PDB file of N, CA and C in Angstrom:
ATOM      1  N   MET A   1      25.203 135.033 128.540  1.00  0.00           N
ATOM      2  CA  MET A   1      26.115 135.974 127.600  1.00  0.00           C
ATOM      3  C   MET A   1      24.490 136.317 126.520  1.00  0.00           C
ATOM      4  N   THR A   2      24.427 137.767 126.415  1.00  0.00           N
ATOM      5  CA  THR A   2      23.262 138.104 125.455  1.00  0.00           C
ATOM      6  C   THR A   2      24.397 138.891 124.045  1.00  0.00           C
ATOM      7  N   ILE A   3      24.014 138.815 123.075  1.00  0.00           N
ATOM      8  CA  ILE A   3      24.405 139.146 121.951  1.00  0.00           C
ATOM      9  C   ILE A   3      23.228 140.084 121.209  1.00  0.00           C
ATOM     10  N   VAL A   4      23.269 141.283 121.290  1.00  0.00           N
ATOM     11  CA  VAL A   4      22.696 142.444 120.202  1.00  0.00           C
ATOM     12  C   VAL A   4      23.656 143.182 119.389  1.00  0.00           C
ATOM     13  N   THR A   5      22.481 143.547 118.087  1.00  0.00           N
ATOM     14  CA  THR A   5      23.086 144.697 117.272  1.00  0.00           C
ATOM     15  C   THR A   5      23.598 145.690 117.983  1.00  0.00           C
ATOM     16  N   LEU A   6      24.092 146.723 117.257  1.00  0.00           N
ATOM     17  CA  LEU A   6      24.267 148.237 117.931  1.00  0.00           C
ATOM     18  C   LEU A   6      23.135 148.926 118.118  1.00  0.00           C
ATOM     19  N   ALA A   7      22.231 148.574 116.903  1.00  0.00           N
ATOM     20  CA  ALA A   7      20.870 149.485 116.502  1.00  0.00           C
ATOM     21  C   ALA A   7      19.801 148.823 118.016  1.00  0.00           C
ATOM     22  N   ASP A   8      20.168 147.661 118.383  1.00  0.00           N
ATOM     23  CA  ASP A   8      19.131 147.630 119.411  1.00  0.00           C
ATOM     24  C   ASP A   8      19.662 147.689 120.973  1.00  0.00           C
ATOM     25  N   ALA A   9      20.769 147.703 120.454  1.00  0.00           N
ATOM     26  CA  ALA A   9      21.818 148.421 122.090  1.00  0.00           C
ATOM     27  C   ALA A   9      21.544 149.808 122.340  1.00  0.00           C
ATOM     28  N   LYS A  10      21.602 150.655 120.833  1.00  0.00           N
ATOM     29  CA  LYS A  10      21.288 151.988 121.001  1.00  0.00           C
ATOM     30  C   LYS A  10      19.515 152.139 122.033  1.00  0.00           C
ATOM     31  N   ALA A  11      18.993 151.092 121.085  1.00  0.00           N
ATOM     32  CA  ALA A  11      17.383 151.294 121.807  1.00  0.00           C
ATOM     33  C   ALA A  11      17.386 151.035 123.152  1.00  0.00           C
ATOM     34  N   ARG A  12      17.969 149.836 123.822  1.00  0.00           N
ATOM     35  CA  ARG A  12      17.916 149.522 125.042  1.00  0.00           C
ATOM     36  C   ARG A  12      18.590 149.668 126.008  1.00  0.00           C
ATOM     37  N   LEU A  13      19.694 150.435 126.024  1.00  0.00           N
ATOM     38  CA  LEU A  13      20.758 150.881 126.445  1.00  0.00           C
ATOM     39  C   LEU A  13      20.874 150.494 128.065  1.00  0.00           C
ATOM     40  N   SER A  14      19.660 151.041 128.532  1.00  0.00           N
ATOM     41  CA  SER A  14      19.482 151.213 130.081  1.00  0.00           C
ATOM     42  C   SER A  14      19.444 149.639 130.432  1.00  0.00           C
ATOM     43  N   ALA A  15      18.590 149.235 129.788  1.00  0.00           N
ATOM     44  CA  ALA A  15      18.115 147.716 130.246  1.00  0.00           C
ATOM     45  C   ALA A  15      19.022 146.395 130.115  1.00  0.00           C
ATOM     46  N   LEU A  16      19.892 147.030 129.050  1.00  0.00           N
ATOM     47  CA  LEU A  16      21.310 146.086 128.872  1.00  0.00           C
ATOM     48  C   LEU A  16      22.561 146.206 130.091  1.00  0.00           C
ATOM     49  N   VAL A  17      22.380 147.585 130.192  1.00  0.00           N
ATOM     50  CA  VAL A  17      23.448 147.950 131.490  1.00  0.00           C
ATOM     51  C   VAL A  17      23.096 147.104 132.690  1.00  0.00           C
ATOM     52  N   GLU A  18      21.750 147.257 133.322  1.00  0.00           N
ATOM     53  CA  GLU A  18      21.260 146.764 134.089  1.00  0.00           C
ATOM     54  C   GLU A  18      21.509 145.307 134.141  1.00  0.00           C
ATOM     55  N   GLN A  19      21.181 144.413 132.817  1.00  0.00           N
ATOM     56  CA  GLN A  19      21.481 143.106 133.049  1.00  0.00           C
ATOM     57  C   GLN A  19      23.261 143.032 132.812  1.00  0.00           C
ATOM     58  N   ALA A  20      23.853 144.079 132.628  1.00  0.00           N
ATOM     59  CA  ALA A  20      25.152 143.509 132.946  1.00  0.00           C
ATOM     60  C   ALA A  20      25.563 143.873 134.227  1.00  0.00           C
ATOM     61  N   ALA A  21      25.302 144.692 135.104  1.00  0.00           N
ATOM     62  CA  ALA A  21      25.371 144.874 136.430  1.00  0.00           C
ATOM     63  C   ALA A  21      24.875 143.637 137.311  1.00  0.00           C
ATOM     64  N   ARG A  22      23.886 142.863 136.807  1.00  0.00           N
ATOM     65  CA  ARG A  22      23.567 141.987 137.256  1.00  0.00           C
ATOM     66  C   ARG A  22      24.428 140.555 137.375  1.00  0.00           C
ATOM     67  N   GLY A  23      25.311 140.416 136.107  1.00  0.00           N
ATOM     68  CA  GLY A  23      26.132 139.728 136.140  1.00  0.00           C
ATOM     69  C   GLY A  23      26.406 139.137 134.628  1.00  0.00           C
ATOM     70  N   ASP A  24      24.987 139.348 134.146  1.00  0.00           N
ATOM     71  CA  ASP A  24      25.033 138.871 132.781  1.00  0.00           C
ATOM     72  C   ASP A  24      25.972 139.630 131.300  1.00  0.00           C
ATOM     73  N   ALA A  25      27.088 139.200 131.028  1.00  0.00           N
ATOM     74  CA  ALA A  25      27.863 139.951 129.912  1.00  0.00           C
ATOM     75  C   ALA A  25      26.806 140.329 128.655  1.00  0.00           C
ATOM     76  N   VAL A  26      27.127 141.411 127.965  1.00  0.00           N
ATOM     77  CA  VAL A  26      26.247 141.655 126.676  1.00  0.00           C
ATOM     78  C   VAL A  26      27.486 142.178 125.579  1.00  0.00           C
ATOM     79  N   TRP A  27      27.135 141.415 124.526  1.00  0.00           N
ATOM     80  CA  TRP A  27      27.738 141.373 123.473  1.00  0.00           C
ATOM     81  C   TRP A  27      27.323 142.142 122.203  1.00  0.00           C
ATOM     82  N   ILE A  28      28.200 143.327 121.854  1.00  0.00           N
ATOM     83  CA  ILE A  28      27.147 144.291 120.776  1.00  0.00           C
ATOM     84  C   ILE A  28      27.739 144.030 119.466  1.00  0.00           C
ATOM     85  N   THR A  29      26.929 144.077 118.784  1.00  0.00           N
ATOM     86  CA  THR A  29      27.548 143.307 117.129  1.00  0.00           C
ATOM     87  C   THR A  29      27.304 144.312 116.307  1.00  0.00           C
ATOM     88  N   ARG A  30      27.952 144.877 115.347  1.00  0.00           N
ATOM     89  CA  ARG A  30      27.874 145.729 114.194  1.00  0.00           C
ATOM     90  C   ARG A  30      28.377 144.811 112.811  1.00  0.00           C
ATOM     91  N   ARG A  31      27.336 144.623 112.037  1.00  0.00           N
ATOM     92  CA  ARG A  31      27.411 143.598 110.869  1.00  0.00           C
ATOM     93  C   ARG A  31      27.910 142.479 111.315  1.00  0.00           C
ATOM     94  N   GLY A  32      27.626 141.971 112.217  1.00  0.00           N
ATOM     95  CA  GLY A  32      27.662 140.721 112.426  1.00  0.00           C
ATOM     96  C   GLY A  32      28.861 140.428 113.145  1.00  0.00           C
ATOM     97  N   LYS A  33      29.780 141.054 113.984  1.00  0.00           N
ATOM     98  CA  LYS A  33      30.883 141.011 114.300  1.00  0.00           C
ATOM     99  C   LYS A  33      30.798 141.623 115.549  1.00  0.00           C
ATOM    100  N   ALA A  34      31.465 141.227 116.611  1.00  0.00           N
ATOM    101  CA  ALA A  34      31.423 141.606 117.914  1.00  0.00           C
ATOM    102  C   ALA A  34      32.628 142.852 118.046  1.00  0.00           C
ATOM    103  N   VAL A  35      31.627 143.633 118.510  1.00  0.00           N
ATOM    104  CA  VAL A  35      32.674 145.372 118.672  1.00  0.00           C
ATOM    105  C   VAL A  35      32.795 145.686 120.002  1.00  0.00           C
ATOM    106  N   ALA A  36      31.952 145.465 121.101  1.00  0.00           N
ATOM    107  CA  ALA A  36      32.305 145.817 122.103  1.00  0.00           C
ATOM    108  C   ALA A  36      31.271 144.937 123.295  1.00  0.00           C
ATOM    109  N   ARG A  37      31.611 144.818 124.559  1.00  0.00           N
ATOM    110  CA  ARG A  37      31.486 143.981 125.302  1.00  0.00           C
ATOM    111  C   ARG A  37      30.842 144.872 126.670  1.00  0.00           C
ATOM    112  N   ILE A  38      29.548 144.564 127.117  1.00  0.00           N
ATOM    113  CA  ILE A  38      29.515 145.240 128.563  1.00  0.00           C
ATOM    114  C   ILE A  38      29.174 144.466 129.512  1.00  0.00           C
ATOM    115  N   THR A  39      30.027 144.456 130.670  1.00  0.00           N
ATOM    116  CA  THR A  39      30.503 143.629 131.546  1.00  0.00           C
ATOM    117  C   THR A  39      30.108 144.202 132.899  1.00  0.00           C
ATOM    118  N   THR A  40      30.097 143.821 134.217  1.00  0.00           N
ATOM    119  CA  THR A  40      29.699 144.142 135.472  1.00  0.00           C
ATOM    120  C   THR A  40      31.340 144.661 135.990  1.00  0.00           C
ATOM    121  N   ILE A  41      31.605 145.629 137.040  1.00  0.00           N
ATOM    122  CA  ILE A  41      32.639 146.065 137.352  1.00  0.00           C
ATOM    123  C   ILE A  41      32.679 145.683 138.675  1.00  0.00           C
ATOM    124  N   ASP A  42      33.856 144.823 138.995  1.00  0.00           N
ATOM    125  CA  ASP A  42      33.973 144.456 140.406  1.00  0.00           C
ATOM    126  C   ASP A  42      34.330 145.578 141.276  1.00  0.00           C
ATOM    127  N   ARG A  43      33.693 145.758 142.282  1.00  0.00           N
ATOM    128  CA  ARG A  43      33.512 146.634 143.323  1.00  0.00           C
ATOM    129  C   ARG A  43      34.611 146.215 144.364  1.00  0.00           C
ATOM    130  N   GLN A  44      35.465 146.788 145.162  1.00  0.00           N
ATOM    131  CA  GLN A  44      35.783 146.433 146.483  1.00  0.00           C
ATOM    132  C   GLN A  44      34.782 146.909 147.281  1.00  0.00           C
ATOM    133  N   ARG A  45      34.381 146.161 148.134  1.00  0.00           N
ATOM    134  CA  ARG A  45      33.048 146.733 149.202  1.00  0.00           C
ATOM    135  C   ARG A  45      34.009 147.479 150.564  1.00  0.00           C
ATOM    136  N   LYS A  46      33.502 148.255 150.812  1.00  0.00           N
ATOM    137  CA  LYS A  46      34.051 148.493 152.296  1.00  0.00           C
ATOM    138  C   LYS A  46      33.639 148.124 153.248  1.00  0.00           C
ATOM    139  N   PRO A  47      34.836 147.612 153.754  1.00  0.00           N
ATOM    140  CA  PRO A  47      33.973 146.249 155.218  1.00  0.00           C
ATOM    141  C   PRO A  47      33.055 147.229 156.191  1.00  0.00           C
ATOM    142  N   VAL A  48      32.078 147.001 156.802  1.00  0.00           N
ATOM    143  CA  VAL A  48      31.192 147.657 157.935  1.00  0.00           C
ATOM    144  C   VAL A  48      31.876 147.185 159.237  1.00  0.00           C
ATOM    145  N   ASP A  49      32.317 148.367 159.908  1.00  0.00           N
ATOM    146  CA  ASP A  49      32.558 148.160 161.309  1.00  0.00           C
ATOM    147  C   ASP A  49      31.720 147.808 162.241  1.00  0.00           C
ATOM    148  N   ILE A  50      31.416 146.657 162.781  1.00  0.00           N
ATOM    149  CA  ILE A  50      30.110 146.712 163.633  1.00  0.00           C
ATOM    150  C   ILE A  50      30.001 147.681 164.660  1.00  0.00           C
ATOM    151  N   ASN A  51      30.951 147.990 165.335  1.00  0.00           N
ATOM    152  CA  ASN A  51      30.961 149.053 166.516  1.00  0.00           C
ATOM    153  C   ASN A  51      30.263 150.432 166.189  1.00  0.00           C
ATOM    154  N   ASP A  52      31.026 150.534 165.159  1.00  0.00           N
ATOM    155  CA  ASP A  52      30.637 151.676 164.383  1.00  0.00           C
ATOM    156  C   ASP A  52      28.928 151.822 164.055  1.00  0.00           C
ATOM    157  N   LEU A  53      28.855 150.891 163.444  1.00  0.00           N
ATOM    158  CA  LEU A  53      27.265 150.882 163.237  1.00  0.00           C
ATOM    159  C   LEU A  53      26.413 150.921 164.295  1.00  0.00           C
ATOM    160  N   ARG A  54      26.803 150.008 165.662  1.00  0.00           N
ATOM    161  CA  ARG A  54      26.084 149.941 166.617  1.00  0.00           C
ATOM    162  C   ARG A  54      25.795 151.405 167.455  1.00  0.00           C
ATOM    163  N   LYS A  55      26.934 152.006 167.385  1.00  0.00           N
ATOM    164  CA  LYS A  55      27.075 153.320 168.234  1.00  0.00           C
ATOM    165  C   LYS A  55      26.061 154.279 167.168  1.00  0.00           C
ATOM    166  N   LEU A  56      25.995 154.187 166.031  1.00  0.00           N
ATOM    167  CA  LEU A  56      25.426 154.745 165.080  1.00  0.00           C
ATOM    168  C   LEU A  56      23.466 154.703 165.189  1.00  0.00           C
ATOM    169  N   THR A  57      23.550 153.380 165.574  1.00  0.00           N
ATOM    170  CA  THR A  57      22.017 153.045 165.558  1.00  0.00           C
ATOM    171  C   THR A  57      21.715 153.373 166.975  1.00  0.00           C
ATOM    172  N   GLU A  58      22.748 153.387 168.108  1.00  0.00           N
ATOM    173  CA  GLU A  58      22.007 153.694 169.485  1.00  0.00           C
ATOM    174  C   GLU A  58      21.736 155.055 169.836  1.00  0.00           C
ATOM    175  N   ALA A  59      22.436 155.973 168.842  1.00  0.00           N
ATOM    176  CA  ALA A  59      22.386 157.284 168.882  1.00  0.00           C
ATOM    177  C   ALA A  59      20.901 157.621 168.350  1.00  0.00           C
ATOM    178  N   MET A  60      20.432 156.860 167.336  1.00  0.00           N
ATOM    179  CA  MET A  60      19.280 157.182 166.734  1.00  0.00           C
ATOM    180  C   MET A  60      18.169 157.248 167.724  1.00  0.00           C
ATOM    181  N   PRO A  61      17.117 158.291 167.723  1.00  0.00           N
ATOM    182  CA  PRO A  61      15.745 158.212 169.200  1.00  0.00           C
ATOM    183  C   PRO A  61      15.082 157.428 168.238  1.00  0.00           C
ATOM    184  N   ALA A  62      14.488 156.906 169.335  1.00  0.00           N
ATOM    185  CA  ALA A  62      13.274 155.771 168.790  1.00  0.00           C
ATOM    186  C   ALA A  62      12.302 156.266 168.624  1.00  0.00           C
ATOM    187  N   GLN A  63      11.192 155.808 167.585  1.00  0.00           N
ATOM    188  CA  GLN A  63      10.010 156.169 166.909  1.00  0.00           C
ATOM    189  C   GLN A  63       9.218 156.008 168.001  1.00  0.00           C
ATOM    190  N   PRO A  64       8.468 157.076 168.308  1.00  0.00           N
ATOM    191  CA  PRO A  64       7.335 157.096 168.737  1.00  0.00           C
ATOM    192  C   PRO A  64       6.190 156.061 168.513  1.00  0.00           C
ATOM    193  N   VAL A  65       5.833 155.807 167.374  1.00  0.00           N
ATOM    194  CA  VAL A  65       4.942 155.096 166.815  1.00  0.00           C
ATOM    195  C   VAL A  65       5.760 153.850 165.919  1.00  0.00           C
ATOM    196  N   ALA A  66       4.771 152.754 166.266  1.00  0.00           N
ATOM    197  CA  ALA A  66       5.565 151.834 165.005  1.00  0.00           C
ATOM    198  C   ALA A  66       5.368 151.999 163.369  1.00  0.00           C
ATOM    199  N   ALA A  67       6.516 151.734 162.860  1.00  0.00           N
ATOM    200  CA  ALA A  67       6.478 151.859 161.594  1.00  0.00           C
ATOM    201  C   ALA A  67       4.931 151.193 160.410  1.00  0.00           C
ATOM    202  N   ARG A  68       4.576 150.153 161.046  1.00  0.00           N
ATOM    203  CA  ARG A  68       3.356 149.774 160.557  1.00  0.00           C
ATOM    204  C   ARG A  68       2.020 150.746 160.314  1.00  0.00           C
ATOM    205  N   ASP A  69       1.782 151.029 161.882  1.00  0.00           N
ATOM    206  CA  ASP A  69       0.556 151.962 162.220  1.00  0.00           C
ATOM    207  C   ASP A  69       0.789 153.612 161.926  1.00  0.00           C
ATOM    208  N   TRP A  70       2.342 153.786 161.781  1.00  0.00           N
ATOM    209  CA  TRP A  70       2.357 155.121 161.046  1.00  0.00           C
ATOM    210  C   TRP A  70       1.902 155.125 159.629  1.00  0.00           C
ATOM    211  N   LEU A  71       2.531 154.087 158.839  1.00  0.00           N
ATOM    212  CA  LEU A  71       2.498 154.154 157.455  1.00  0.00           C
ATOM    213  C   LEU A  71       0.680 153.640 157.354  1.00  0.00           C
ATOM    214  N   ARG A  72       0.212 153.017 158.150  1.00  0.00           N
ATOM    215  CA  ARG A  72      -1.478 152.820 157.988  1.00  0.00           C
ATOM    216  C   ARG A  72      -2.231 154.321 158.238  1.00  0.00           C
ATOM    217  N   GLN A  73      -1.937 154.874 159.307  1.00  0.00           N
ATOM    218  CA  GLN A  73      -2.455 156.380 159.630  1.00  0.00           C
ATOM    219  C   GLN A  73      -2.130 156.738 158.444  1.00  0.00           C
ATOM    220  N   LEU A  74      -0.847 157.405 157.659  1.00  0.00           N
ATOM    221  CA  LEU A  74      -0.832 157.816 156.814  1.00  0.00           C
ATOM    222  C   LEU A  74      -1.344 157.498 155.555  1.00  0.00           C
ATOM    223  N   ARG A  75      -1.744 156.263 155.109  1.00  0.00           N
ATOM    224  CA  ARG A  75      -2.488 155.908 154.030  1.00  0.00           C
ATOM    225  C   ARG A  75      -3.915 156.639 154.368  1.00  0.00           C
ATOM    226  N   ASP A  76      -4.165 156.199 155.594  1.00  0.00           N
ATOM    227  CA  ASP A  76      -6.016 156.390 155.937  1.00  0.00           C
ATOM    228  C   ASP A  76      -6.328 158.140 155.642  1.00  0.00           C
ATOM    229  N   GLU A  77      -5.372 158.772 156.270  1.00  0.00           N
ATOM    230  CA  GLU A  77      -5.435 160.311 156.327  1.00  0.00           C
ATOM    231  C   GLU A  77      -5.588 160.724 154.730  1.00  0.00           C
ATOM    232  N   GLU A  78      -4.665 160.025 153.870  1.00  0.00           N
ATOM    233  CA  GLU A  78      -4.597 160.474 152.197  1.00  0.00           C
ATOM    234  C   GLU A  78      -5.875 159.914 151.417  1.00  0.00           C
ATOM    235  N   ARG A  79      -6.821 159.196 152.209  1.00  0.00           N
ATOM    236  CA  ARG A  79      -7.786 158.953 151.381  1.00  0.00           C
ATOM    237  C   ARG A  79      -9.168 160.122 151.185  1.00  0.00           C
ATOM    238  N   TYR A  80      -9.998 159.706 150.103  1.00  0.00           N
ATOM    239  CA  TYR A  80     -10.668 161.031 149.892  1.00  0.00           C
ATOM    240  C   TYR A  80     -12.053 160.089 149.769  1.00  0.00           C
TER     241      TYR A  80
END
């Protein structure tokens, strides 16, 4: 748990939200008293149907070039 002042929370809200999303609650104080808490939201994850996933990946065309070779070629062509 992290405790920050309201002024500090305003200055680094994005970082505090990321911290809360990772599971570490953030308490915000005003004049030394806790007034708010940022926590993560428990989300119900949708289960993945393995058969649907398999159908999807089987329908994808195979790449003609390995990803590492494609990336290497892209990198080499962009050099100056």
